PDB file of N, CA and C in Angstrom:
ATOM      1  N   UNK A   1       2.729  18.366  -7.851  1.00  0.00           N
ATOM      2  CA  UNK A   1       3.698  17.441  -7.286  1.00  0.00           C
ATOM      3  C   UNK A   1       5.061  18.119  -7.183  1.00  0.00           C
ATOM      4  N   UNK A   2       5.411  18.910  -8.185  1.00  0.00           N
ATOM      5  CA  UNK A   2       6.692  19.627  -8.125  1.00  0.00           C
ATOM      6  C   UNK A   2       6.713  20.624  -6.967  1.00  0.00           C
ATOM      7  N   UNK A   3       5.569  21.226  -6.689  1.00  0.00           N
ATOM      8  CA  UNK A   3       5.491  22.161  -5.566  1.00  0.00           C
ATOM      9  C   UNK A   3       5.703  21.436  -4.241  1.00  0.00           C
ATOM     10  N   UNK A   4       5.127  20.268  -4.094  1.00  0.00           N
ATOM     11  CA  UNK A   4       5.285  19.497  -2.863  1.00  0.00           C
ATOM     12  C   UNK A   4       6.728  19.054  -2.673  1.00  0.00           C
ATOM     13  N   UNK A   5       7.344  18.557  -3.720  1.00  0.00           N
ATOM     14  CA  UNK A   5       8.741  18.118  -3.632  1.00  0.00           C
ATOM     15  C   UNK A   5       9.650  19.307  -3.371  1.00  0.00           C
ATOM     16  N   UNK A   6       9.394  20.419  -4.054  1.00  0.00           N
ATOM     17  CA  UNK A   6      10.188  21.627  -3.832  1.00  0.00           C
ATOM     18  C   UNK A   6      10.037  22.159  -2.416  1.00  0.00           C
ATOM     19  N   UNK A   7       8.818  22.105  -1.888  1.00  0.00           N
ATOM     20  CA  UNK A   7       8.578  22.562  -0.517  1.00  0.00           C
ATOM     21  C   UNK A   7       9.289  21.699   0.508  1.00  0.00           C
ATOM     22  N   UNK A   8       9.231  20.388   0.331  1.00  0.00           N
ATOM     23  CA  UNK A   8       9.902  19.478   1.262  1.00  0.00           C
ATOM     24  C   UNK A   8      11.426  19.636   1.197  1.00  0.00           C
ATOM     25  N   UNK A   9      11.951  19.814  -0.013  1.00  0.00           N
ATOM     26  CA  UNK A   9      13.389  20.011  -0.172  1.00  0.00           C
ATOM     27  C   UNK A   9      13.823  21.317   0.475  1.00  0.00           C
ATOM     28  N   UNK A  10      13.024  22.365   0.302  1.00  0.00           N
ATOM     29  CA  UNK A  10      13.332  23.649   0.925  1.00  0.00           C
ATOM     30  C   UNK A  10      13.287  23.545   2.443  1.00  0.00           C
ATOM     31  N   UNK A  11      12.288  22.856   2.970  1.00  0.00           N
ATOM     32  CA  UNK A  11      12.184  22.680   4.421  1.00  0.00           C
ATOM     33  C   UNK A  11      13.376  21.896   4.968  1.00  0.00           C
ATOM     34  N   UNK A  12      13.764  20.835   4.280  1.00  0.00           N
ATOM     35  CA  UNK A  12      14.925  20.056   4.703  1.00  0.00           C
ATOM     36  C   UNK A  12      16.189  20.908   4.688  1.00  0.00           C
ATOM     37  N   UNK A  13      16.382  21.670   3.620  1.00  0.00           N
ATOM     38  CA  UNK A  13      17.571  22.521   3.516  1.00  0.00           C
ATOM     39  C   UNK A  13      17.578  23.576   4.617  1.00  0.00           C
ATOM     40  N   UNK A  14      16.428  24.157   4.929  1.00  0.00           N
ATOM     41  CA  UNK A  14      16.347  25.164   5.982  1.00  0.00           C
ATOM     42  C   UNK A  14      16.678  24.552   7.352  1.00  0.00           C
ATOM     43  N   UNK A  15      16.157  23.360   7.620  1.00  0.00           N
ATOM     44  CA  UNK A  15      16.438  22.688   8.892  1.00  0.00           C
ATOM     45  C   UNK A  15      17.919  22.361   9.037  1.00  0.00           C
ATOM     46  N   UNK A  16      18.525  21.841   7.982  1.00  0.00           N
ATOM     47  CA  UNK A  16      19.953  21.520   8.025  1.00  0.00           C
ATOM     48  C   UNK A  16      20.762  22.800   8.217  1.00  0.00           C
ATOM     49  N   UNK A  17      20.384  23.873   7.534  1.00  0.00           N
ATOM     50  CA  UNK A  17      21.083  25.150   7.684  1.00  0.00           C
ATOM     51  C   UNK A  17      20.989  25.655   9.124  1.00  0.00           C
ATOM     52  N   UNK A  18      19.812  25.586   9.732  1.00  0.00           N
ATOM     53  CA  UNK A  18      19.638  26.054  11.106  1.00  0.00           C
ATOM     54  C   UNK A  18      20.466  25.228  12.082  1.00  0.00           C
ATOM     55  N   UNK A  19      20.554  23.933  11.857  1.00  0.00           N
ATOM     56  CA  UNK A  19      21.337  23.076  12.748  1.00  0.00           C
ATOM     57  C   UNK A  19      22.816  23.389  12.625  1.00  0.00           C
ATOM     58  N   UNK A  20      23.297  23.565  11.403  1.00  0.00           N
ATOM     59  CA  UNK A  20      24.721  23.790  11.174  1.00  0.00           C
ATOM     60  C   UNK A  20      25.144  25.203  11.575  1.00  0.00           C
ATOM     61  N   UNK A  21      24.280  26.188  11.379  1.00  0.00           N
ATOM     62  CA  UNK A  21      24.680  27.578  11.590  1.00  0.00           C
ATOM     63  C   UNK A  21      24.462  28.075  13.014  1.00  0.00           C
ATOM     64  N   UNK A  22      23.794  27.323  13.859  1.00  0.00           N
ATOM     65  CA  UNK A  22      23.545  27.765  15.225  1.00  0.00           C
ATOM     66  C   UNK A  22      24.828  27.660  16.042  1.00  0.00           C
ATOM     67  N   UNK A  23      25.286  28.781  16.625  1.00  0.00           N
ATOM     68  CA  UNK A  23      26.509  28.711  17.429  1.00  0.00           C
ATOM     69  C   UNK A  23      26.289  27.903  18.705  1.00  0.00           C
ATOM     70  N   UNK A  24      27.250  27.083  19.037  1.00  0.00           N
ATOM     71  CA  UNK A  24      27.169  26.275  20.250  1.00  0.00           C
ATOM     72  C   UNK A  24      26.233  25.094  20.139  1.00  0.00           C
ATOM     73  N   UNK A  25      25.844  24.720  18.936  1.00  0.00           N
ATOM     74  CA  UNK A  25      24.898  23.612  18.781  1.00  0.00           C
ATOM     75  C   UNK A  25      25.504  22.290  19.222  1.00  0.00           C
ATOM     76  N   UNK A  26      26.810  22.137  19.084  1.00  0.00           N
ATOM     77  CA  UNK A  26      27.435  20.876  19.472  1.00  0.00           C
ATOM     78  C   UNK A  26      27.363  20.653  20.977  1.00  0.00           C
ATOM     79  N   UNK A  27      27.222  21.715  21.769  1.00  0.00           N
ATOM     80  CA  UNK A  27      27.100  21.562  23.213  1.00  0.00           C
ATOM     81  C   UNK A  27      25.723  21.054  23.609  1.00  0.00           C
ATOM     82  N   UNK A  28      24.732  21.182  22.727  1.00  0.00           N
ATOM     83  CA  UNK A  28      23.378  20.757  23.030  1.00  0.00           C
ATOM     84  C   UNK A  28      23.064  19.369  22.494  1.00  0.00           C
ATOM     85  N   UNK A  29      23.998  18.774  21.753  1.00  0.00           N
ATOM     86  CA  UNK A  29      23.778  17.434  21.228  1.00  0.00           C
ATOM     87  C   UNK A  29      24.156  16.418  22.301  1.00  0.00           C
ATOM     88  N   UNK A  30      23.282  15.488  22.566  1.00  0.00           N
ATOM     89  CA  UNK A  30      23.526  14.490  23.609  1.00  0.00           C
ATOM     90  C   UNK A  30      23.272  13.099  23.055  1.00  0.00           C
ATOM     91  N   UNK A  31      24.031  12.158  23.556  1.00  0.00           N
ATOM     92  CA  UNK A  31      23.766  10.762  23.239  1.00  0.00           C
ATOM     93  C   UNK A  31      22.908  10.193  24.376  1.00  0.00           C
ATOM     94  N   UNK A  32      22.305   9.039  24.185  1.00  0.00           N
ATOM     95  CA  UNK A  32      21.492   8.463  25.258  1.00  0.00           C
ATOM     96  C   UNK A  32      22.279   8.236  26.555  1.00  0.00           C
ATOM     97  N   UNK A  33      23.584   8.038  26.459  1.00  0.00           N
ATOM     98  CA  UNK A  33      24.378   7.832  27.670  1.00  0.00           C
ATOM     99  C   UNK A  33      24.584   9.120  28.446  1.00  0.00           C
ATOM    100  N   UNK A  34      24.465  10.282  27.790  1.00  0.00           N
ATOM    101  CA  UNK A  34      24.643  11.566  28.461  1.00  0.00           C
ATOM    102  C   UNK A  34      23.407  12.004  29.231  1.00  0.00           C
ATOM    103  N   UNK A  35      22.267  11.420  28.940  1.00  0.00           N
ATOM    104  CA  UNK A  35      21.010  11.861  29.528  1.00  0.00           C
ATOM    105  C   UNK A  35      20.767  11.101  30.830  1.00  0.00           C
ATOM    106  N   UNK A  36      20.566  11.834  31.916  1.00  0.00           N
ATOM    107  CA  UNK A  36      20.288  11.227  33.211  1.00  0.00           C
ATOM    108  C   UNK A  36      18.821  11.512  33.560  1.00  0.00           C
ATOM    109  N   UNK A  37      17.974  10.495  33.550  1.00  0.00           N
ATOM    110  CA  UNK A  37      16.553  10.737  33.827  1.00  0.00           C
ATOM    111  C   UNK A  37      16.291  11.086  35.283  1.00  0.00           C
ATOM    112  N   UNK A  38      17.232  10.823  36.169  1.00  0.00           N
ATOM    113  CA  UNK A  38      17.069  11.195  37.567  1.00  0.00           C
ATOM    114  C   UNK A  38      16.299  10.192  38.400  1.00  0.00           C
ATOM    115  N   UNK A  39      15.779   9.141  37.796  1.00  0.00           N
ATOM    116  CA  UNK A  39      15.010   8.174  38.564  1.00  0.00           C
ATOM    117  C   UNK A  39      15.772   6.863  38.780  1.00  0.00           C
ATOM    118  N   UNK A  40      17.065   6.868  38.495  1.00  0.00           N
ATOM    119  CA  UNK A  40      17.849   5.656  38.698  1.00  0.00           C
ATOM    120  C   UNK A  40      18.570   5.732  40.039  1.00  0.00           C
ATOM    121  N   UNK A  41      18.665   4.613  40.682  1.00  0.00           N
ATOM    122  CA  UNK A  41      19.406   4.556  41.943  1.00  0.00           C
ATOM    123  C   UNK A  41      20.815   4.085  41.659  1.00  0.00           C
ATOM    124  N   UNK A  42      21.765   4.769  42.208  1.00  0.00           N
ATOM    125  CA  UNK A  42      23.086   4.333  41.854  1.00  0.00           C
ATOM    126  C   UNK A  42      24.087   4.674  42.817  1.00  0.00           C
TER     127      UNK A  42
END
């Protein structure tokens, strides 16, 4: 059980590190209002 919890914690920490340390990551973050599906008439 300790191995499973340790593995999940390590995976979470690695994911957070990759998100924070990637240069230009804020330019790739979008809210639902920023996304244009292209099938709307307007």
